[in-house]
């Protein structure tokens, strides 16, 4: 007998529910951040050239991950709204078709990536020293891109049901596997050959492979996917619904690493050590923003289920609580970086320029993380509401309209610190705008709901 998929986020105390959902999500994200930090730590021991090479790969890796995240968010949005409406059959159809779509994306990403390694990274500023190292890493990483895309889609399907714990456990398992394999494959401990950067890539691929196997097993066991034969017409209908959210969401996510690629190119004019420091700083930034990213991820199924059921006031209350938390958290994070920035930078590399770059970045931009968090939360809610184009316009304004122009201007006037100041200003202005947009849209929906009831 086919089980009924129930909405479980439409009742109960909002604060307690968001905390209960965010904590396991945050644990999973911590695992992924540790995943990246461990890679960065071990690669940093190889030397600043290897560390710089890995910093160059970061925006490109993020682009592929952003495509997967966009597809996952599109899936989570439509699936969670179907759950809110009580349509279990549609839930299974959308989930299954999303995985078929992921298979196509994997093939395109792997082939395109492999063919564009040299021209792309040369354009980003890689030189004759770092480019061969980049090739070592990316050729293995592209082979394993299936283990990046599929688990993200699968985990988002699971999250759409309100289950945050299972995806978190899968992410943690992948991180632990990576942590164990990294030193063996990078440095050649025991019977393993010393593979350097290539070893780091292989450890990443193997770690993520576990999440693919386990997530598919869970989806099948919980009857969240269907293997019934369907027509191409039905498949395209599902893809249209998913991609209506997924494409703008993916573009929103892609804009960030593309911008980071441009910013990395600007930073590269100040030397390899500055690029290495910038790479370390952005990874430390991930630690601070992970809790807001976790809350933003939770807001997709929460908003989807409540929006599908017509609980608009409940969504409004959750948004306001999220904004307040984001602002408070950024103040705490700024204070922490003021005292520990130099120490944390030194854990990755002892080069004085690397450390100075990390400290400069964190002290300039950290206080505006709260406003960046407001943008993240607003974007997630807009996507879950089925308003993805508003979300992408906000991101375009922040990154292309403000960050890059201001960073370019700041670089010419103040040097490296001017680049970072451009990011801080962009965060502040866009966070305010995002709050105004989302509050206005929810208010309009509440007003319409009141009129309909009358």
Protein backbone atom coordinates (compact mmCIF):
# COMPACT_ATOMS: atom_id res chain seq x y z
CA UNK A 1 0.00 0.00 0.00
CA UNK A 2 1.32 3.48 -0.90
CA UNK A 3 1.94 5.62 2.17
CA UNK A 4 0.38 9.07 2.66
CA UNK A 5 2.95 11.89 2.73
CA UNK A 6 1.85 14.37 5.40
CA UNK A 7 2.68 18.04 5.97
CA UNK A 8 4.29 18.44 9.38
CA UNK A 9 5.46 22.08 9.33
CA UNK A 10 2.07 23.79 9.30
CA UNK A 11 1.38 23.59 13.05
CA UNK A 12 3.14 24.28 16.33
CA UNK A 13 5.28 27.06 17.82
CA UNK A 14 7.24 28.69 15.00
CA UNK A 15 10.37 29.55 16.99
CA UNK A 16 10.69 26.08 18.48
CA UNK A 17 10.01 24.47 15.10
CA UNK A 18 12.60 26.57 13.27
CA UNK A 19 15.20 25.82 15.94
CA UNK A 20 14.40 22.10 15.80
CA UNK A 21 14.76 22.10 12.02
CA UNK A 22 17.78 24.41 11.82
CA UNK A 23 20.00 22.59 14.32
CA UNK A 24 20.33 19.33 12.33
CA UNK A 25 20.61 21.32 9.11
CA UNK A 26 23.40 23.35 10.69
CA UNK A 27 25.12 20.16 11.84
CA UNK A 28 25.08 18.93 8.26
CA UNK A 29 26.46 22.21 6.97
CA UNK A 30 29.16 22.20 9.64
CA UNK A 31 30.15 18.82 8.28
CA UNK A 32 30.43 20.22 4.77
CA UNK A 33 32.37 23.25 5.99
CA UNK A 34 34.73 20.97 7.90
CA UNK A 35 34.90 18.99 4.65
CA UNK A 36 36.22 22.12 2.87
CA UNK A 37 38.37 23.34 5.75
CA UNK A 38 40.10 19.98 6.11
CA UNK A 39 40.87 20.02 2.39
CA UNK A 40 42.19 23.58 2.73
CA UNK A 41 44.27 22.68 5.80
CA UNK A 42 46.01 19.71 4.21
CA UNK A 43 46.51 21.44 0.87
CA UNK A 44 47.96 24.41 2.75
CA UNK A 45 50.67 22.13 4.12
CA UNK A 46 51.80 21.41 0.55
CA UNK A 47 52.62 25.10 0.01
CA UNK A 48 51.14 28.44 -0.98
CA UNK A 49 51.12 27.54 -4.70
CA UNK A 50 48.91 24.51 -4.04
CA UNK A 51 46.72 26.60 -1.72
CA UNK A 52 46.39 29.31 -4.38
CA UNK A 53 45.54 26.66 -7.01
CA UNK A 54 42.74 25.34 -4.81
CA UNK A 55 41.51 28.91 -4.23
CA UNK A 56 41.23 29.30 -8.01
CA UNK A 57 39.06 26.16 -8.22
CA UNK A 58 36.66 27.35 -5.53
CA UNK A 59 34.46 29.62 -7.73
CA UNK A 60 34.18 26.96 -10.45
CA UNK A 61 33.31 24.21 -7.98
CA UNK A 62 30.74 26.57 -6.48
CA UNK A 63 29.14 27.14 -9.89
CA UNK A 64 28.48 23.42 -10.35
CA UNK A 65 27.26 23.12 -6.79
CA UNK A 66 25.05 26.15 -7.32
CA UNK A 67 23.38 24.50 -10.32
CA UNK A 68 22.72 21.45 -8.16
CA UNK A 69 21.45 23.62 -5.31
CA UNK A 70 19.15 25.49 -7.67
CA UNK A 71 17.69 22.25 -8.98
CA UNK A 72 17.36 21.02 -5.40
CA UNK A 73 15.64 24.22 -4.31
CA UNK A 74 13.25 24.07 -7.26
CA UNK A 75 12.43 20.48 -6.35
CA UNK A 76 12.02 21.28 -2.67
CA UNK A 77 9.74 24.23 -3.45
CA UNK A 78 7.29 22.35 -5.66
CA UNK A 79 7.42 19.16 -3.58
CA UNK A 80 6.82 20.97 -0.27
CA UNK A 81 3.85 22.87 -1.72
CA UNK A 82 2.43 19.58 -3.04
CA UNK A 83 2.83 18.13 0.45
CA UNK A 84 1.04 21.16 1.92
CA UNK A 85 -1.85 20.53 -0.46
CA UNK A 86 -1.92 16.83 0.49
CA UNK A 87 -1.14 15.56 -3.04
CA UNK A 88 1.11 12.52 -2.38
CA UNK A 89 0.95 11.28 -5.96
CA UNK A 90 2.26 14.58 -7.27
CA UNK A 91 5.02 14.54 -4.65
CA UNK A 92 6.33 11.22 -5.99
CA UNK A 93 6.02 12.28 -9.61
CA UNK A 94 7.92 15.55 -9.09
CA UNK A 95 10.64 13.86 -7.02
CA UNK A 96 11.27 11.12 -9.58
CA UNK A 97 11.32 13.49 -12.53
CA UNK A 98 13.75 15.78 -10.71
CA UNK A 99 16.26 12.92 -10.48
CA UNK A 100 15.94 12.26 -14.22
CA UNK A 101 16.67 15.93 -14.83
CA UNK A 102 19.70 15.73 -12.53
CA UNK A 103 21.14 12.93 -14.69
CA UNK A 104 21.10 15.20 -17.74
CA UNK A 105 22.73 18.06 -15.84
CA UNK A 106 25.50 15.75 -14.60
CA UNK A 107 26.42 14.70 -18.13
CA UNK A 108 26.50 18.27 -19.44
CA UNK A 109 28.52 19.61 -16.49
CA UNK A 110 31.14 16.85 -16.63
CA UNK A 111 31.78 17.14 -20.36
CA UNK A 112 31.75 20.94 -20.48
CA UNK A 113 33.98 21.25 -17.44
CA UNK A 114 36.60 18.84 -18.70
CA UNK A 115 36.86 20.67 -22.04
CA UNK A 116 37.22 24.15 -20.54
CA UNK A 117 39.72 23.71 -17.68
CA UNK A 118 42.72 25.44 -19.28
CA UNK A 119 41.05 28.42 -21.00
CA UNK A 120 38.73 29.14 -18.07
CA UNK A 121 41.36 29.17 -15.34
CA UNK A 122 43.80 31.08 -17.53
CA UNK A 123 41.11 33.72 -17.90
CA UNK A 124 40.72 33.79 -14.11
CA UNK A 125 44.41 34.61 -13.72
CA UNK A 126 46.08 31.23 -13.12
CA UNK A 127 49.73 31.24 -14.15
CA UNK A 128 52.21 28.61 -15.35
CA UNK A 129 52.79 27.45 -11.77
CA UNK A 130 49.18 27.11 -10.57
CA UNK A 131 47.52 25.95 -13.83
CA UNK A 132 49.07 22.42 -13.86
CA UNK A 133 48.03 22.01 -10.21
CA UNK A 134 44.49 23.12 -11.03
CA UNK A 135 44.29 20.55 -13.83
CA UNK A 136 45.28 17.77 -11.41
CA UNK A 137 42.42 18.67 -9.09
CA UNK A 138 39.62 19.49 -11.52
CA UNK A 139 40.02 16.48 -13.83
CA UNK A 140 39.25 14.14 -10.97
CA UNK A 141 36.57 16.42 -9.51
CA UNK A 142 34.64 16.56 -12.79
CA UNK A 143 34.60 12.76 -13.02
CA UNK A 144 32.81 12.69 -9.67
CA UNK A 145 30.33 15.48 -10.40
CA UNK A 146 27.48 12.95 -10.27
CA UNK A 147 28.18 12.61 -6.55
CA UNK A 148 27.66 16.36 -6.14
CA UNK A 149 24.41 16.82 -8.07
CA UNK A 150 22.37 13.72 -7.23
CA UNK A 151 22.71 13.88 -3.41
CA UNK A 152 21.77 17.58 -3.38
CA UNK A 153 18.54 16.86 -5.23
CA UNK A 154 17.82 13.75 -3.19
CA UNK A 155 18.49 15.48 0.14
CA UNK A 156 16.23 18.39 -0.83
CA UNK A 157 13.40 15.96 -1.52
CA UNK A 158 13.86 14.51 1.94
CA UNK A 159 13.97 18.01 3.48
CA UNK A 160 10.74 18.97 1.72
CA UNK A 161 8.98 16.43 3.94
CA UNK A 162 10.30 18.24 7.03
CA UNK A 163 13.07 15.74 7.78
CA UNK A 164 16.32 17.68 8.31
CA UNK A 165 18.10 15.05 10.39
CA UNK A 166 18.60 12.41 7.70
CA UNK A 167 20.29 14.71 5.14
CA UNK A 168 22.47 16.09 7.94
CA UNK A 169 23.63 12.61 8.87
CA UNK A 170 24.44 11.85 5.24
CA UNK A 171 26.47 15.05 4.94
CA UNK A 172 28.31 14.26 8.16
CA UNK A 173 29.17 10.77 6.95
CA UNK A 174 30.64 12.19 3.72
CA UNK A 175 32.71 14.71 5.68
CA UNK A 176 34.11 12.03 8.00
CA UNK A 177 35.06 9.84 5.06
CA UNK A 178 36.82 12.79 3.43
CA UNK A 179 38.68 13.67 6.64
CA UNK A 180 39.99 10.12 6.95
CA UNK A 181 41.01 9.78 3.30
CA UNK A 182 42.60 13.24 2.82
CA UNK A 183 45.97 12.70 4.54
CA UNK A 184 46.37 9.21 3.06
CA UNK A 185 45.72 10.29 -0.52
CA UNK A 186 47.37 13.74 -0.38
CA UNK A 187 50.60 12.79 1.38
CA UNK A 188 50.82 9.09 0.53
CA UNK A 189 50.59 7.49 3.95
CA UNK A 190 51.11 3.71 4.09
CA UNK A 191 50.36 1.90 0.82
CA UNK A 192 48.77 4.97 -0.77
CA UNK A 193 50.72 7.04 -3.32
CA UNK A 194 51.34 10.74 -2.64
CA UNK A 195 48.86 12.38 -5.01
CA UNK A 196 48.97 15.99 -3.75
CA UNK A 197 46.04 18.09 -4.98
CA UNK A 198 44.71 15.15 -7.00
CA UNK A 199 44.49 13.16 -3.77
CA UNK A 200 42.34 15.87 -2.22
CA UNK A 201 39.98 15.71 -5.19
CA UNK A 202 39.76 11.91 -5.03
CA UNK A 203 39.00 11.98 -1.30
CA UNK A 204 36.19 14.47 -2.00
CA UNK A 205 34.71 12.29 -4.74
CA UNK A 206 34.77 9.15 -2.59
CA UNK A 207 33.24 10.96 0.40
CA UNK A 208 30.35 12.33 -1.65
CA UNK A 209 29.75 8.96 -3.32
CA UNK A 210 28.46 7.63 0.00
CA UNK A 211 25.76 10.33 0.13
CA UNK A 212 24.51 9.31 -3.32
CA UNK A 213 24.09 5.66 -2.36
CA UNK A 214 22.39 6.36 0.97
CA UNK A 215 20.07 9.15 -0.23
CA UNK A 216 18.71 7.04 -3.09
CA UNK A 217 18.15 4.14 -0.70
CA UNK A 218 16.14 6.38 1.64
CA UNK A 219 14.04 7.86 -1.16
CA UNK A 220 13.09 4.38 -2.36
CA UNK A 221 12.41 3.06 1.14
CA UNK A 222 10.14 5.99 2.04
CA UNK A 223 8.29 5.74 -1.27
CA UNK A 224 9.18 9.30 -2.22
CA UNK A 225 9.96 8.33 -5.80
CA UNK A 226 7.99 6.28 -8.30
CA UNK A 227 9.24 3.94 -11.02
CA UNK A 228 5.91 3.81 -12.85
CA UNK A 229 6.11 4.30 -16.61
CA UNK A 230 5.06 7.79 -17.65
CA UNK A 231 4.78 9.72 -20.90
CA UNK A 232 7.24 12.33 -22.06
CA UNK A 233 4.44 14.85 -21.76
CA UNK A 234 4.10 14.20 -18.02
CA UNK A 235 7.87 14.34 -17.62
CA UNK A 236 8.10 17.73 -19.33
CA UNK A 237 5.26 19.10 -17.21
CA UNK A 238 7.17 18.17 -14.07
CA UNK A 239 10.40 19.61 -15.43
CA UNK A 240 8.64 22.86 -16.30
CA UNK A 241 7.36 23.24 -12.74
CA UNK A 242 10.75 22.39 -11.22
CA UNK A 243 12.77 24.55 -13.60
CA UNK A 244 10.46 27.55 -13.16
CA UNK A 245 11.95 27.75 -9.68
CA UNK A 246 15.16 25.84 -10.32
CA UNK A 247 16.62 27.93 -13.16
CA UNK A 248 16.32 31.31 -11.41
CA UNK A 249 17.46 29.72 -8.14
CA UNK A 250 20.47 28.17 -9.88
CA UNK A 251 21.28 31.46 -11.58
CA UNK A 252 21.00 33.20 -8.22
CA UNK A 253 23.47 30.72 -6.76
CA UNK A 254 25.75 30.84 -9.81
CA UNK A 255 26.02 34.62 -9.67
CA UNK A 256 27.88 34.36 -6.38
CA UNK A 257 30.79 32.15 -7.53
CA UNK A 258 30.95 34.00 -10.85
CA UNK A 259 31.33 37.22 -8.92
CA UNK A 260 33.88 35.53 -6.66
CA UNK A 261 35.78 34.57 -9.79
CA UNK A 262 35.87 38.21 -10.87
CA UNK A 263 36.88 39.32 -7.37
CA UNK A 264 39.56 36.61 -7.27
CA UNK A 265 40.89 38.01 -10.54
CA UNK A 266 41.09 41.46 -8.92
CA UNK A 267 42.82 40.04 -5.85
CA UNK A 268 45.32 38.14 -8.03
CA UNK A 269 46.85 41.46 -9.11
CA UNK A 270 48.13 41.77 -5.53
CA UNK A 271 50.01 38.44 -5.69
CA UNK A 272 49.62 34.71 -5.12
CA UNK A 273 49.73 35.07 -1.33
CA UNK A 274 46.81 37.53 -1.44
CA UNK A 275 44.76 34.99 -3.46
CA UNK A 276 45.61 32.30 -0.91
CA UNK A 277 44.55 34.59 1.93
CA UNK A 278 41.33 35.50 0.17
CA UNK A 279 40.57 31.80 -0.28
CA UNK A 280 41.11 31.13 3.42
CA UNK A 281 38.97 34.14 4.41
CA UNK A 282 36.02 33.03 2.29
CA UNK A 283 36.16 29.59 3.86
CA UNK A 284 36.14 31.09 7.34
CA UNK A 285 33.22 33.22 6.19
CA UNK A 286 31.34 30.02 5.41
CA UNK A 287 31.58 29.08 9.10
CA UNK A 288 29.85 32.28 10.18
CA UNK A 289 27.17 32.17 7.52
CA UNK A 290 26.42 28.47 7.90
CA UNK A 291 23.78 29.01 10.58
CA UNK A 292 21.97 31.58 8.42
CA UNK A 293 22.33 29.31 5.37
CA UNK A 294 20.86 26.51 7.49
CA UNK A 295 17.90 28.66 8.50
CA UNK A 296 17.44 29.78 4.88
CA UNK A 297 17.37 26.13 3.75
CA UNK A 298 14.77 25.34 6.41
CA UNK A 299 12.63 28.25 5.23
CA UNK A 300 12.07 26.58 1.84
CA UNK A 301 10.07 23.55 3.08
CA UNK A 302 8.57 25.60 5.93
CA UNK A 303 7.31 28.29 3.55
CA UNK A 304 6.32 25.77 0.87
CA UNK A 305 4.15 23.66 3.16
CA UNK A 306 2.53 26.67 4.85
CA UNK A 307 2.05 28.57 1.60
CA UNK A 308 0.50 25.48 0.02
CA UNK A 309 -1.93 25.27 2.93
CA UNK A 310 -2.67 29.02 2.96
CA UNK A 311 -0.92 29.83 6.29
CA UNK A 312 0.51 33.16 5.07
CA UNK A 313 0.61 34.85 8.49
CA UNK A 314 2.73 31.96 9.75
CA UNK A 315 5.27 32.60 6.98
CA UNK A 316 5.35 36.32 7.81
CA UNK A 317 6.13 35.65 11.46
CA UNK A 318 8.93 33.24 10.55
CA UNK A 319 10.54 35.80 8.19
CA UNK A 320 10.63 38.54 10.85
CA UNK A 321 12.14 36.16 13.40
CA UNK A 322 14.78 35.09 10.86
CA UNK A 323 15.79 38.69 10.07
CA UNK A 324 16.23 39.55 13.75
CA UNK A 325 18.36 36.48 14.36
CA UNK A 326 20.59 37.19 11.34
CA UNK A 327 21.41 40.72 12.55
CA UNK A 328 22.18 39.62 16.10
CA UNK A 329 24.37 36.76 14.87
CA UNK A 330 26.49 39.03 12.67
CA UNK A 331 27.40 41.23 15.62
CA UNK A 332 28.51 38.18 17.59
CA UNK A 333 30.55 36.89 14.64
CA UNK A 334 32.24 40.25 14.09
CA UNK A 335 33.34 40.34 17.71
CA UNK A 336 34.74 36.83 17.44
CA UNK A 337 36.76 37.62 14.31
CA UNK A 338 38.19 40.77 15.88
CA UNK A 339 39.90 38.65 18.53
CA UNK A 340 40.66 35.41 16.66
CA UNK A 341 41.17 36.37 13.01
CA UNK A 342 44.98 36.24 13.02
CA UNK A 343 45.07 32.96 14.93
CA UNK A 344 42.63 31.20 12.59
CA UNK A 345 44.44 32.47 9.50
CA UNK A 346 47.73 31.14 10.86
CA UNK A 347 46.27 27.66 11.18
CA UNK A 348 46.14 27.41 7.39
CA UNK A 349 49.34 29.15 6.35
CA UNK A 350 52.10 31.12 8.13
CA UNK A 351 52.85 33.48 5.26
CA UNK A 352 52.44 37.04 6.68
CA UNK A 353 50.67 38.32 3.54
CA UNK A 354 48.17 35.46 3.74
CA UNK A 355 47.43 36.28 7.39
CA UNK A 356 47.15 40.03 6.75
CA UNK A 357 44.74 39.46 3.88
CA UNK A 358 42.50 37.20 5.97
CA UNK A 359 42.37 39.65 8.89
CA UNK A 360 41.68 42.63 6.61
CA UNK A 361 38.81 40.85 4.86
CA UNK A 362 37.12 39.69 8.06
CA UNK A 363 37.39 43.02 9.90
CA UNK A 364 35.94 44.98 6.98
CA UNK A 365 33.10 42.73 5.88
CA UNK A 366 32.02 40.64 8.90
CA UNK A 367 29.72 43.24 10.48
CA UNK A 368 27.54 43.22 7.34
CA UNK A 369 26.93 39.46 7.40
CA UNK A 370 23.55 40.11 9.06
CA UNK A 371 22.33 42.01 6.01
CA UNK A 372 23.71 39.32 3.70
CA UNK A 373 21.75 36.83 5.80
CA UNK A 374 18.57 38.86 5.31
CA UNK A 375 19.07 38.52 1.55
CA UNK A 376 19.60 34.76 1.88
CA UNK A 377 16.43 34.34 3.94
CA UNK A 378 14.35 36.54 1.65
CA UNK A 379 15.56 34.67 -1.45
CA UNK A 380 14.65 31.29 0.05
CA UNK A 381 11.17 32.45 0.99
CA UNK A 382 10.59 34.02 -2.43
CA UNK A 383 11.62 30.78 -4.17
CA UNK A 384 9.35 28.74 -1.92
CA UNK A 385 6.47 31.13 -2.67
CA UNK A 386 6.99 30.55 -6.39
CA UNK A 387 8.50 34.03 -6.95
CA UNK A 388 12.02 33.13 -8.14
CA UNK A 389 12.58 36.14 -10.38
CA UNK A 390 12.36 38.56 -7.47
CA UNK A 391 15.07 36.56 -5.74
CA UNK A 392 17.43 36.60 -8.70
CA UNK A 393 16.96 40.33 -9.26
CA UNK A 394 18.01 41.00 -5.67
CA UNK A 395 21.14 38.88 -6.10
CA UNK A 396 21.96 40.52 -9.43
CA UNK A 397 21.67 43.92 -7.82
CA UNK A 398 23.99 42.95 -4.96
CA UNK A 399 26.71 41.27 -6.98
CA UNK A 400 26.68 42.86 -10.43
CA UNK A 401 25.09 46.19 -9.60
CA UNK A 402 27.03 46.88 -6.41
CA UNK A 403 29.80 44.44 -5.42
CA UNK A 404 31.86 44.32 -8.64
CA UNK A 405 31.64 48.05 -9.49
CA UNK A 406 32.35 49.08 -5.88
CA UNK A 407 35.20 46.56 -5.57
CA UNK A 408 36.76 47.85 -8.79
CA UNK A 409 36.46 51.43 -7.61
CA UNK A 410 37.77 50.55 -4.15
CA UNK A 411 40.71 48.63 -5.61
CA UNK A 412 41.82 51.65 -7.61
CA UNK A 413 41.56 53.99 -4.61
CA UNK A 414 42.38 51.90 -1.52
CA UNK A 415 43.98 48.75 -2.93
CA UNK A 416 43.10 45.31 -1.54
CA UNK A 417 41.07 46.65 1.39
CA UNK A 418 38.96 48.66 -1.06
CA UNK A 419 37.85 45.43 -2.74
CA UNK A 420 36.62 44.11 0.58
CA UNK A 421 34.87 47.40 1.43
CA UNK A 422 32.89 47.10 -1.80
CA UNK A 423 31.52 43.76 -0.58
CA UNK A 424 30.53 45.25 2.77
CA UNK A 425 28.59 48.12 1.20
CA UNK A 426 26.85 45.73 -1.21
CA UNK A 427 25.77 43.48 1.68
CA UNK A 428 24.29 46.37 3.65
CA UNK A 429 22.29 47.99 0.87
CA UNK A 430 20.92 44.74 -0.59
CA UNK A 431 19.92 43.39 2.82
CA UNK A 432 17.73 46.43 3.43
CA UNK A 433 16.18 46.17 -0.03
CA UNK A 434 15.48 42.43 0.39
CA UNK A 435 13.65 43.08 3.66
CA UNK A 436 11.47 45.74 2.05
CA UNK A 437 10.61 43.48 -0.92
CA UNK A 438 9.68 40.35 1.03
CA UNK A 439 7.68 42.19 3.69
CA UNK A 440 5.74 44.07 0.99
CA UNK A 441 4.98 40.86 -0.96
CA UNK A 442 3.81 38.92 2.08
CA UNK A 443 1.73 41.90 3.18
CA UNK A 444 0.05 41.99 -0.22
CA UNK A 445 -0.78 38.27 0.02
CA UNK A 446 -2.19 38.71 3.54
CA UNK A 447 -4.38 41.56 2.32
CA UNK A 448 -5.65 39.45 -0.58
CA UNK A 449 -6.35 36.56 1.78
CA UNK A 450 -8.45 38.87 3.98
CA UNK A 451 -10.43 40.09 0.96
CA UNK A 452 -11.07 36.50 -0.17
CA UNK A 453 -12.36 35.54 3.28
CA UNK A 454 -14.80 38.44 3.23
